[in-house]
Amino acid sequence: KVCIWLVVASYLVGCANGLIHTNT
C-alpha cells in the first residue's frame, strides 16, 4: 500500500508540474 501511494504521488506531482509549466 505504501509503495503504491509513493508511485501514485510521484505521478500526481509530475502531472501538476507539467500542467503548471505548460499552461503558463
mmCIF file of all heavy atoms, coordinates in Angstrom:
data_MODEL
# 
_entry.id   MODEL 
# 
loop_
_atom_site.group_PDB 
_atom_site.id 
_atom_site.type_symbol 
_atom_site.label_atom_id 
_atom_site.label_alt_id 
_atom_site.label_comp_id 
_atom_site.label_asym_id 
_atom_site.label_entity_id 
_atom_site.label_seq_id 
_atom_site.pdbx_PDB_ins_code 
_atom_site.Cartn_x 
_atom_site.Cartn_y 
_atom_site.Cartn_z 
_atom_site.occupancy 
_atom_site.B_iso_or_equiv 
_atom_site.pdbx_formal_charge 
_atom_site.auth_seq_id 
_atom_site.auth_comp_id 
_atom_site.auth_asym_id 
_atom_site.auth_atom_id 
_atom_site.pdbx_PDB_model_num 
ATOM 1   N N   . LYS A 1 1  ? 0.837  -1.204 0.000   1.00 0.00 ? 1  LYS A N   1 
ATOM 2   C CA  . LYS A 1 1  ? 0.000  0.000  0.000   1.00 0.00 ? 1  LYS A CA  1 
ATOM 3   C C   . LYS A 1 1  ? 0.873  1.255  0.000   1.00 0.00 ? 1  LYS A C   1 
ATOM 4   O O   . LYS A 1 1  ? 0.603  2.214  -0.740  1.00 0.00 ? 1  LYS A O   1 
ATOM 5   C CB  . LYS A 1 1  ? -0.925 -0.007 1.215   1.00 0.00 ? 1  LYS A CB  1 
ATOM 6   C CG  . LYS A 1 1  ? -1.891 1.157  1.255   1.00 0.00 ? 1  LYS A CG  1 
ATOM 7   C CD  . LYS A 1 1  ? -2.819 1.060  2.452   1.00 0.00 ? 1  LYS A CD  1 
ATOM 8   C CE  . LYS A 1 1  ? -3.796 2.240  2.490   1.00 0.00 ? 1  LYS A CE  1 
ATOM 9   N NZ  . LYS A 1 1  ? -4.700 2.161  3.672   1.00 0.00 ? 1  LYS A NZ  1 
ATOM 10  N N   . VAL A 1 2  ? 1.918  1.261  0.821   1.00 0.00 ? 2  VAL A N   1 
ATOM 11  C CA  . VAL A 1 2  ? 2.831  2.406  0.891   1.00 0.00 ? 2  VAL A CA  1 
ATOM 12  C C   . VAL A 1 2  ? 3.533  2.605  -0.451  1.00 0.00 ? 2  VAL A C   1 
ATOM 13  O O   . VAL A 1 2  ? 3.646  3.733  -0.950  1.00 0.00 ? 2  VAL A O   1 
ATOM 14  C CB  . VAL A 1 2  ? 3.870  2.213  2.018   1.00 0.00 ? 2  VAL A CB  1 
ATOM 15  C CG1 . VAL A 1 2  ? 4.953  3.293  1.948   1.00 0.00 ? 2  VAL A CG1 1 
ATOM 16  C CG2 . VAL A 1 2  ? 3.190  2.245  3.383   1.00 0.00 ? 2  VAL A CG2 1 
ATOM 17  N N   . CYS A 1 3  ? 4.001  1.504  -1.028  1.00 0.00 ? 3  CYS A N   1 
ATOM 18  C CA  . CYS A 1 3  ? 4.706  1.589  -2.320  1.00 0.00 ? 3  CYS A CA  1 
ATOM 19  C C   . CYS A 1 3  ? 3.802  2.153  -3.410  1.00 0.00 ? 3  CYS A C   1 
ATOM 20  O O   . CYS A 1 3  ? 4.230  2.997  -4.207  1.00 0.00 ? 3  CYS A O   1 
ATOM 21  C CB  . CYS A 1 3  ? 5.208  0.206  -2.724  1.00 0.00 ? 3  CYS A CB  1 
ATOM 22  S SG  . CYS A 1 3  ? 6.505  -0.442 -1.645  1.00 0.00 ? 3  CYS A SG  1 
ATOM 23  N N   . ILE A 1 4  ? 2.558  1.688  -3.452  1.00 0.00 ? 4  ILE A N   1 
ATOM 24  C CA  . ILE A 1 4  ? 1.610  2.177  -4.455  1.00 0.00 ? 4  ILE A CA  1 
ATOM 25  C C   . ILE A 1 4  ? 1.365  3.672  -4.273  1.00 0.00 ? 4  ILE A C   1 
ATOM 26  O O   . ILE A 1 4  ? 1.352  4.438  -5.246  1.00 0.00 ? 4  ILE A O   1 
ATOM 27  C CB  . ILE A 1 4  ? 0.289  1.385  -4.391  1.00 0.00 ? 4  ILE A CB  1 
ATOM 28  C CG1 . ILE A 1 4  ? 0.515  -0.051 -4.894  1.00 0.00 ? 4  ILE A CG1 1 
ATOM 29  C CG2 . ILE A 1 4  ? -0.798 2.072  -5.223  1.00 0.00 ? 4  ILE A CG2 1 
ATOM 30  C CD1 . ILE A 1 4  ? -0.672 -0.967 -4.697  1.00 0.00 ? 4  ILE A CD1 1 
ATOM 31  N N   . TRP A 1 5  ? 1.202  4.092  -3.017  1.00 0.00 ? 5  TRP A N   1 
ATOM 32  C CA  . TRP A 1 5  ? 0.966  5.505  -2.752  1.00 0.00 ? 5  TRP A CA  1 
ATOM 33  C C   . TRP A 1 5  ? 2.172  6.364  -3.146  1.00 0.00 ? 5  TRP A C   1 
ATOM 34  O O   . TRP A 1 5  ? 2.004  7.481  -3.645  1.00 0.00 ? 5  TRP A O   1 
ATOM 35  C CB  . TRP A 1 5  ? 0.612  5.723  -1.279  1.00 0.00 ? 5  TRP A CB  1 
ATOM 36  C CG  . TRP A 1 5  ? -0.851 5.600  -1.013  1.00 0.00 ? 5  TRP A CG  1 
ATOM 37  C CD1 . TRP A 1 5  ? -1.495 4.630  -0.310  1.00 0.00 ? 5  TRP A CD1 1 
ATOM 38  C CD2 . TRP A 1 5  ? -1.880 6.494  -1.480  1.00 0.00 ? 5  TRP A CD2 1 
ATOM 39  N NE1 . TRP A 1 5  ? -2.854 4.845  -0.306  1.00 0.00 ? 5  TRP A NE1 1 
ATOM 40  C CE2 . TRP A 1 5  ? -3.120 5.979  -1.010  1.00 0.00 ? 5  TRP A CE2 1 
ATOM 41  C CE3 . TRP A 1 5  ? -1.877 7.660  -2.250  1.00 0.00 ? 5  TRP A CE3 1 
ATOM 42  C CZ2 . TRP A 1 5  ? -4.332 6.610  -1.287  1.00 0.00 ? 5  TRP A CZ2 1 
ATOM 43  C CZ3 . TRP A 1 5  ? -3.091 8.293  -2.521  1.00 0.00 ? 5  TRP A CZ3 1 
ATOM 44  C CH2 . TRP A 1 5  ? -4.294 7.755  -2.041  1.00 0.00 ? 5  TRP A CH2 1 
ATOM 45  N N   . LEU A 1 6  ? 3.382  5.861  -2.933  1.00 0.00 ? 6  LEU A N   1 
ATOM 46  C CA  . LEU A 1 6  ? 4.575  6.606  -3.330  1.00 0.00 ? 6  LEU A CA  1 
ATOM 47  C C   . LEU A 1 6  ? 4.641  6.781  -4.844  1.00 0.00 ? 6  LEU A C   1 
ATOM 48  O O   . LEU A 1 6  ? 4.991  7.861  -5.348  1.00 0.00 ? 6  LEU A O   1 
ATOM 49  C CB  . LEU A 1 6  ? 5.834  5.886  -2.829  1.00 0.00 ? 6  LEU A CB  1 
ATOM 50  C CG  . LEU A 1 6  ? 6.115  5.983  -1.324  1.00 0.00 ? 6  LEU A CG  1 
ATOM 51  C CD1 . LEU A 1 6  ? 7.271  5.068  -0.928  1.00 0.00 ? 6  LEU A CD1 1 
ATOM 52  C CD2 . LEU A 1 6  ? 6.423  7.426  -0.921  1.00 0.00 ? 6  LEU A CD2 1 
ATOM 53  N N   . VAL A 1 7  ? 4.285  5.739  -5.580  1.00 0.00 ? 7  VAL A N   1 
ATOM 54  C CA  . VAL A 1 7  ? 4.281  5.826  -7.042  1.00 0.00 ? 7  VAL A CA  1 
ATOM 55  C C   . VAL A 1 7  ? 3.169  6.761  -7.522  1.00 0.00 ? 7  VAL A C   1 
ATOM 56  O O   . VAL A 1 7  ? 3.398  7.612  -8.404  1.00 0.00 ? 7  VAL A O   1 
ATOM 57  C CB  . VAL A 1 7  ? 4.126  4.424  -7.672  1.00 0.00 ? 7  VAL A CB  1 
ATOM 58  C CG1 . VAL A 1 7  ? 3.900  4.534  -9.175  1.00 0.00 ? 7  VAL A CG1 1 
ATOM 59  C CG2 . VAL A 1 7  ? 5.362  3.574  -7.393  1.00 0.00 ? 7  VAL A CG2 1 
ATOM 60  N N   . VAL A 1 8  ? 1.977  6.620  -6.948  1.00 0.00 ? 8  VAL A N   1 
ATOM 61  C CA  . VAL A 1 8  ? 0.858  7.492  -7.323  1.00 0.00 ? 8  VAL A CA  1 
ATOM 62  C C   . VAL A 1 8  ? 1.197  8.948  -7.040  1.00 0.00 ? 8  VAL A C   1 
ATOM 63  O O   . VAL A 1 8  ? 0.933  9.844  -7.860  1.00 0.00 ? 8  VAL A O   1 
ATOM 64  C CB  . VAL A 1 8  ? -0.432 7.076  -6.581  1.00 0.00 ? 8  VAL A CB  1 
ATOM 65  C CG1 . VAL A 1 8  ? -1.522 8.121  -6.765  1.00 0.00 ? 8  VAL A CG1 1 
ATOM 66  C CG2 . VAL A 1 8  ? -0.924 5.719  -7.073  1.00 0.00 ? 8  VAL A CG2 1 
ATOM 67  N N   . ALA A 1 9  ? 1.798  9.204  -5.872  1.00 0.00 ? 9  ALA A N   1 
ATOM 68  C CA  . ALA A 1 9  ? 2.182  10.578 -5.505  1.00 0.00 ? 9  ALA A CA  1 
ATOM 69  C C   . ALA A 1 9  ? 3.201  11.130 -6.503  1.00 0.00 ? 9  ALA A C   1 
ATOM 70  O O   . ALA A 1 9  ? 3.140  12.314 -6.877  1.00 0.00 ? 9  ALA A O   1 
ATOM 71  C CB  . ALA A 1 9  ? 2.755  10.604 -4.092  1.00 0.00 ? 9  ALA A CB  1 
ATOM 72  N N   . SER A 1 10 ? 4.121  10.287 -6.960  1.00 0.00 ? 10 SER A N   1 
ATOM 73  C CA  . SER A 1 10 ? 5.117  10.724 -7.947  1.00 0.00 ? 10 SER A CA  1 
ATOM 74  C C   . SER A 1 10 ? 4.444  11.176 -9.235  1.00 0.00 ? 10 SER A C   1 
ATOM 75  O O   . SER A 1 10 ? 4.808  12.216 -9.812  1.00 0.00 ? 10 SER A O   1 
ATOM 76  C CB  . SER A 1 10 ? 6.094  9.578  -8.248  1.00 0.00 ? 10 SER A CB  1 
ATOM 77  O OG  . SER A 1 10 ? 6.802  9.204  -7.092  1.00 0.00 ? 10 SER A OG  1 
ATOM 78  N N   . TYR A 1 11 ? 3.454  10.414 -9.681  1.00 0.00 ? 11 TYR A N   1 
ATOM 79  C CA  . TYR A 1 11 ? 2.751  10.779 -10.911 1.00 0.00 ? 11 TYR A CA  1 
ATOM 80  C C   . TYR A 1 11 ? 1.870  12.012 -10.729 1.00 0.00 ? 11 TYR A C   1 
ATOM 81  O O   . TYR A 1 11 ? 1.753  12.837 -11.646 1.00 0.00 ? 11 TYR A O   1 
ATOM 82  C CB  . TYR A 1 11 ? 1.931  9.599  -11.425 1.00 0.00 ? 11 TYR A CB  1 
ATOM 83  C CG  . TYR A 1 11 ? 2.743  8.637  -12.240 1.00 0.00 ? 11 TYR A CG  1 
ATOM 84  C CD1 . TYR A 1 11 ? 3.321  7.511  -11.652 1.00 0.00 ? 11 TYR A CD1 1 
ATOM 85  C CD2 . TYR A 1 11 ? 2.973  8.851  -13.595 1.00 0.00 ? 11 TYR A CD2 1 
ATOM 86  C CE1 . TYR A 1 11 ? 4.104  6.630  -12.392 1.00 0.00 ? 11 TYR A CE1 1 
ATOM 87  C CE2 . TYR A 1 11 ? 3.748  7.979  -14.343 1.00 0.00 ? 11 TYR A CE2 1 
ATOM 88  C CZ  . TYR A 1 11 ? 4.308  6.876  -13.735 1.00 0.00 ? 11 TYR A CZ  1 
ATOM 89  O OH  . TYR A 1 11 ? 5.085  6.015  -14.464 1.00 0.00 ? 11 TYR A OH  1 
ATOM 90  N N   . LEU A 1 12 ? 1.270  12.160 -9.566  1.00 0.00 ? 12 LEU A N   1 
ATOM 91  C CA  . LEU A 1 12 ? 0.436  13.343 -9.309  1.00 0.00 ? 12 LEU A CA  1 
ATOM 92  C C   . LEU A 1 12 ? 1.288  14.610 -9.319  1.00 0.00 ? 12 LEU A C   1 
ATOM 93  O O   . LEU A 1 12 ? 0.906  15.626 -9.909  1.00 0.00 ? 12 LEU A O   1 
ATOM 94  C CB  . LEU A 1 12 ? -0.288 13.197 -7.968  1.00 0.00 ? 12 LEU A CB  1 
ATOM 95  C CG  . LEU A 1 12 ? -1.424 12.173 -7.918  1.00 0.00 ? 12 LEU A CG  1 
ATOM 96  C CD1 . LEU A 1 12 ? -1.987 12.065 -6.497  1.00 0.00 ? 12 LEU A CD1 1 
ATOM 97  C CD2 . LEU A 1 12 ? -2.536 12.542 -8.898  1.00 0.00 ? 12 LEU A CD2 1 
ATOM 98  N N   . VAL A 1 13 ? 2.456  14.552 -8.660  1.00 0.00 ? 13 VAL A N   1 
ATOM 99  C CA  . VAL A 1 13 ? 3.359  15.699 -8.654  1.00 0.00 ? 13 VAL A CA  1 
ATOM 100 C C   . VAL A 1 13 ? 3.858  15.982 -10.070 1.00 0.00 ? 13 VAL A C   1 
ATOM 101 O O   . VAL A 1 13 ? 3.923  17.140 -10.504 1.00 0.00 ? 13 VAL A O   1 
ATOM 102 C CB  . VAL A 1 13 ? 4.551  15.456 -7.702  1.00 0.00 ? 13 VAL A CB  1 
ATOM 103 C CG1 . VAL A 1 13 ? 5.603  16.550 -7.856  1.00 0.00 ? 13 VAL A CG1 1 
ATOM 104 C CG2 . VAL A 1 13 ? 4.074  15.394 -6.258  1.00 0.00 ? 13 VAL A CG2 1 
ATOM 105 N N   . GLY A 1 14 ? 4.198  14.923 -10.811 1.00 0.00 ? 14 GLY A N   1 
ATOM 106 C CA  . GLY A 1 14 ? 4.658  15.091 -12.184 1.00 0.00 ? 14 GLY A CA  1 
ATOM 107 C C   . GLY A 1 14 ? 3.613  15.740 -13.073 1.00 0.00 ? 14 GLY A C   1 
ATOM 108 O O   . GLY A 1 14 ? 3.915  16.656 -13.850 1.00 0.00 ? 14 GLY A O   1 
ATOM 109 N N   . CYS A 1 15 ? 2.371  15.281 -12.954 1.00 0.00 ? 15 CYS A N   1 
ATOM 110 C CA  . CYS A 1 15 ? 1.276  15.857 -13.754 1.00 0.00 ? 15 CYS A CA  1 
ATOM 111 C C   . CYS A 1 15 ? 1.047  17.317 -13.392 1.00 0.00 ? 15 CYS A C   1 
ATOM 112 O O   . CYS A 1 15 ? 0.823  18.159 -14.274 1.00 0.00 ? 15 CYS A O   1 
ATOM 113 C CB  . CYS A 1 15 ? -0.002 15.054 -13.550 1.00 0.00 ? 15 CYS A CB  1 
ATOM 114 S SG  . CYS A 1 15 ? 0.041  13.408 -14.301 1.00 0.00 ? 15 CYS A SG  1 
ATOM 115 N N   . ALA A 1 16 ? 1.103  17.634 -12.094 1.00 0.00 ? 16 ALA A N   1 
ATOM 116 C CA  . ALA A 1 16 ? 0.918  19.024 -11.654 1.00 0.00 ? 16 ALA A CA  1 
ATOM 117 C C   . ALA A 1 16 ? 2.042  19.905 -12.178 1.00 0.00 ? 16 ALA A C   1 
ATOM 118 O O   . ALA A 1 16 ? 1.807  21.021 -12.667 1.00 0.00 ? 16 ALA A O   1 
ATOM 119 C CB  . ALA A 1 16 ? 0.860  19.077 -10.125 1.00 0.00 ? 16 ALA A CB  1 
ATOM 120 N N   . ASN A 1 17 ? 3.275  19.408 -12.107 1.00 0.00 ? 17 ASN A N   1 
ATOM 121 C CA  . ASN A 1 17 ? 4.429  20.172 -12.609 1.00 0.00 ? 17 ASN A CA  1 
ATOM 122 C C   . ASN A 1 17 ? 4.297  20.435 -14.105 1.00 0.00 ? 17 ASN A C   1 
ATOM 123 O O   . ASN A 1 17 ? 4.481  21.567 -14.565 1.00 0.00 ? 17 ASN A O   1 
ATOM 124 C CB  . ASN A 1 17 ? 5.710  19.380 -12.315 1.00 0.00 ? 17 ASN A CB  1 
ATOM 125 C CG  . ASN A 1 17 ? 6.954  20.111 -12.789 1.00 0.00 ? 17 ASN A CG  1 
ATOM 126 O OD1 . ASN A 1 17 ? 7.078  21.316 -12.639 1.00 0.00 ? 17 ASN A OD1 1 
ATOM 127 N ND2 . ASN A 1 17 ? 7.881  19.377 -13.371 1.00 0.00 ? 17 ASN A ND2 1 
ATOM 128 N N   . GLY A 1 18 ? 3.963  19.396 -14.871 1.00 0.00 ? 18 GLY A N   1 
ATOM 129 C CA  . GLY A 1 18 ? 3.797  19.561 -16.306 1.00 0.00 ? 18 GLY A CA  1 
ATOM 130 C C   . GLY A 1 18 ? 2.679  20.531 -16.650 1.00 0.00 ? 18 GLY A C   1 
ATOM 131 O O   . GLY A 1 18 ? 2.816  21.369 -17.547 1.00 0.00 ? 18 GLY A O   1 
ATOM 132 N N   . LEU A 1 19 ? 1.565  20.434 -15.918 1.00 0.00 ? 19 LEU A N   1 
ATOM 133 C CA  . LEU A 1 19 ? 0.415  21.297 -16.185 1.00 0.00 ? 19 LEU A CA  1 
ATOM 134 C C   . LEU A 1 19 ? 0.731  22.763 -15.904 1.00 0.00 ? 19 LEU A C   1 
ATOM 135 O O   . LEU A 1 19 ? 0.375  23.652 -16.692 1.00 0.00 ? 19 LEU A O   1 
ATOM 136 C CB  . LEU A 1 19 ? -0.769 20.832 -15.335 1.00 0.00 ? 19 LEU A CB  1 
ATOM 137 C CG  . LEU A 1 19 ? -2.122 21.478 -15.643 1.00 0.00 ? 19 LEU A CG  1 
ATOM 138 C CD1 . LEU A 1 19 ? -2.560 21.157 -17.064 1.00 0.00 ? 19 LEU A CD1 1 
ATOM 139 C CD2 . LEU A 1 19 ? -3.171 21.006 -14.638 1.00 0.00 ? 19 LEU A CD2 1 
ATOM 140 N N   . ILE A 1 20 ? 1.411  23.023 -14.790 1.00 0.00 ? 20 ILE A N   1 
ATOM 141 C CA  . ILE A 1 20 ? 1.741  24.404 -14.414 1.00 0.00 ? 20 ILE A CA  1 
ATOM 142 C C   . ILE A 1 20 ? 2.634  25.053 -15.474 1.00 0.00 ? 20 ILE A C   1 
ATOM 143 O O   . ILE A 1 20 ? 2.344  26.144 -15.974 1.00 0.00 ? 20 ILE A O   1 
ATOM 144 C CB  . ILE A 1 20 ? 2.438  24.442 -13.031 1.00 0.00 ? 20 ILE A CB  1 
ATOM 145 C CG1 . ILE A 1 20 ? 1.437  24.102 -11.922 1.00 0.00 ? 20 ILE A CG1 1 
ATOM 146 C CG2 . ILE A 1 20 ? 3.054  25.817 -12.775 1.00 0.00 ? 20 ILE A CG2 1 
ATOM 147 C CD1 . ILE A 1 20 ? 2.074  23.862 -10.571 1.00 0.00 ? 20 ILE A CD1 1 
ATOM 148 N N   . HIS A 1 21 ? 3.727  24.379 -15.841 1.00 0.00 ? 21 HIS A N   1 
ATOM 149 C CA  . HIS A 1 21 ? 4.672  24.968 -16.791 1.00 0.00 ? 21 HIS A CA  1 
ATOM 150 C C   . HIS A 1 21 ? 4.097  25.061 -18.197 1.00 0.00 ? 21 HIS A C   1 
ATOM 151 O O   . HIS A 1 21 ? 4.322  26.047 -18.898 1.00 0.00 ? 21 HIS A O   1 
ATOM 152 C CB  . HIS A 1 21 ? 5.970  24.161 -16.803 1.00 0.00 ? 21 HIS A CB  1 
ATOM 153 C CG  . HIS A 1 21 ? 6.778  24.315 -15.562 1.00 0.00 ? 21 HIS A CG  1 
ATOM 154 N ND1 . HIS A 1 21 ? 7.120  25.542 -15.039 1.00 0.00 ? 21 HIS A ND1 1 
ATOM 155 C CD2 . HIS A 1 21 ? 7.328  23.394 -14.728 1.00 0.00 ? 21 HIS A CD2 1 
ATOM 156 C CE1 . HIS A 1 21 ? 7.831  25.379 -13.952 1.00 0.00 ? 21 HIS A CE1 1 
ATOM 157 N NE2 . HIS A 1 21 ? 7.967  24.083 -13.734 1.00 0.00 ? 21 HIS A NE2 1 
ATOM 158 N N   . THR A 1 22 ? 3.359  24.038 -18.602 1.00 0.00 ? 22 THR A N   1 
ATOM 159 C CA  . THR A 1 22 ? 2.766  24.076 -19.952 1.00 0.00 ? 22 THR A CA  1 
ATOM 160 C C   . THR A 1 22 ? 1.733  25.189 -20.044 1.00 0.00 ? 22 THR A C   1 
ATOM 161 O O   . THR A 1 22 ? 1.705  25.939 -21.035 1.00 0.00 ? 22 THR A O   1 
ATOM 162 C CB  . THR A 1 22 ? 2.108  22.719 -20.275 1.00 0.00 ? 22 THR A CB  1 
ATOM 163 O OG1 . THR A 1 22 ? 3.078  21.675 -20.140 1.00 0.00 ? 22 THR A OG1 1 
ATOM 164 C CG2 . THR A 1 22 ? 1.576  22.707 -21.706 1.00 0.00 ? 22 THR A CG2 1 
ATOM 165 N N   . ASN A 1 23 ? 0.905  25.320 -19.038 1.00 0.00 ? 23 ASN A N   1 
ATOM 166 C CA  . ASN A 1 23 ? -0.154 26.323 -19.043 1.00 0.00 ? 23 ASN A CA  1 
ATOM 167 C C   . ASN A 1 23 ? 0.407  27.741 -19.024 1.00 0.00 ? 23 ASN A C   1 
ATOM 168 O O   . ASN A 1 23 ? -0.054 28.618 -19.766 1.00 0.00 ? 23 ASN A O   1 
ATOM 169 C CB  . ASN A 1 23 ? -1.076 26.110 -17.842 1.00 0.00 ? 23 ASN A CB  1 
ATOM 170 C CG  . ASN A 1 23 ? -2.300 26.994 -17.892 1.00 0.00 ? 23 ASN A CG  1 
ATOM 171 O OD1 . ASN A 1 23 ? -3.002 27.040 -18.899 1.00 0.00 ? 23 ASN A OD1 1 
ATOM 172 N ND2 . ASN A 1 23 ? -2.561 27.720 -16.817 1.00 0.00 ? 23 ASN A ND2 1 
ATOM 173 N N   . THR A 1 24 ? 1.416  27.978 -18.182 1.00 0.00 ? 24 THR A N   1 
ATOM 174 C CA  . THR A 1 24 ? 1.960  29.338 -18.067 1.00 0.00 ? 24 THR A CA  1 
ATOM 175 C C   . THR A 1 24 ? 2.860  29.703 -19.249 1.00 0.00 ? 24 THR A C   1 
ATOM 176 O O   . THR A 1 24 ? 2.895  30.864 -19.668 1.00 0.00 ? 24 THR A O   1 
ATOM 177 C CB  . THR A 1 24 ? 2.764  29.485 -16.759 1.00 0.00 ? 24 THR A CB  1 
ATOM 178 O OG1 . THR A 1 24 ? 3.784  28.467 -16.702 1.00 0.00 ? 24 THR A OG1 1 
ATOM 179 C CG2 . THR A 1 24 ? 1.868  29.351 -15.542 1.00 0.00 ? 24 THR A CG2 1 
# 
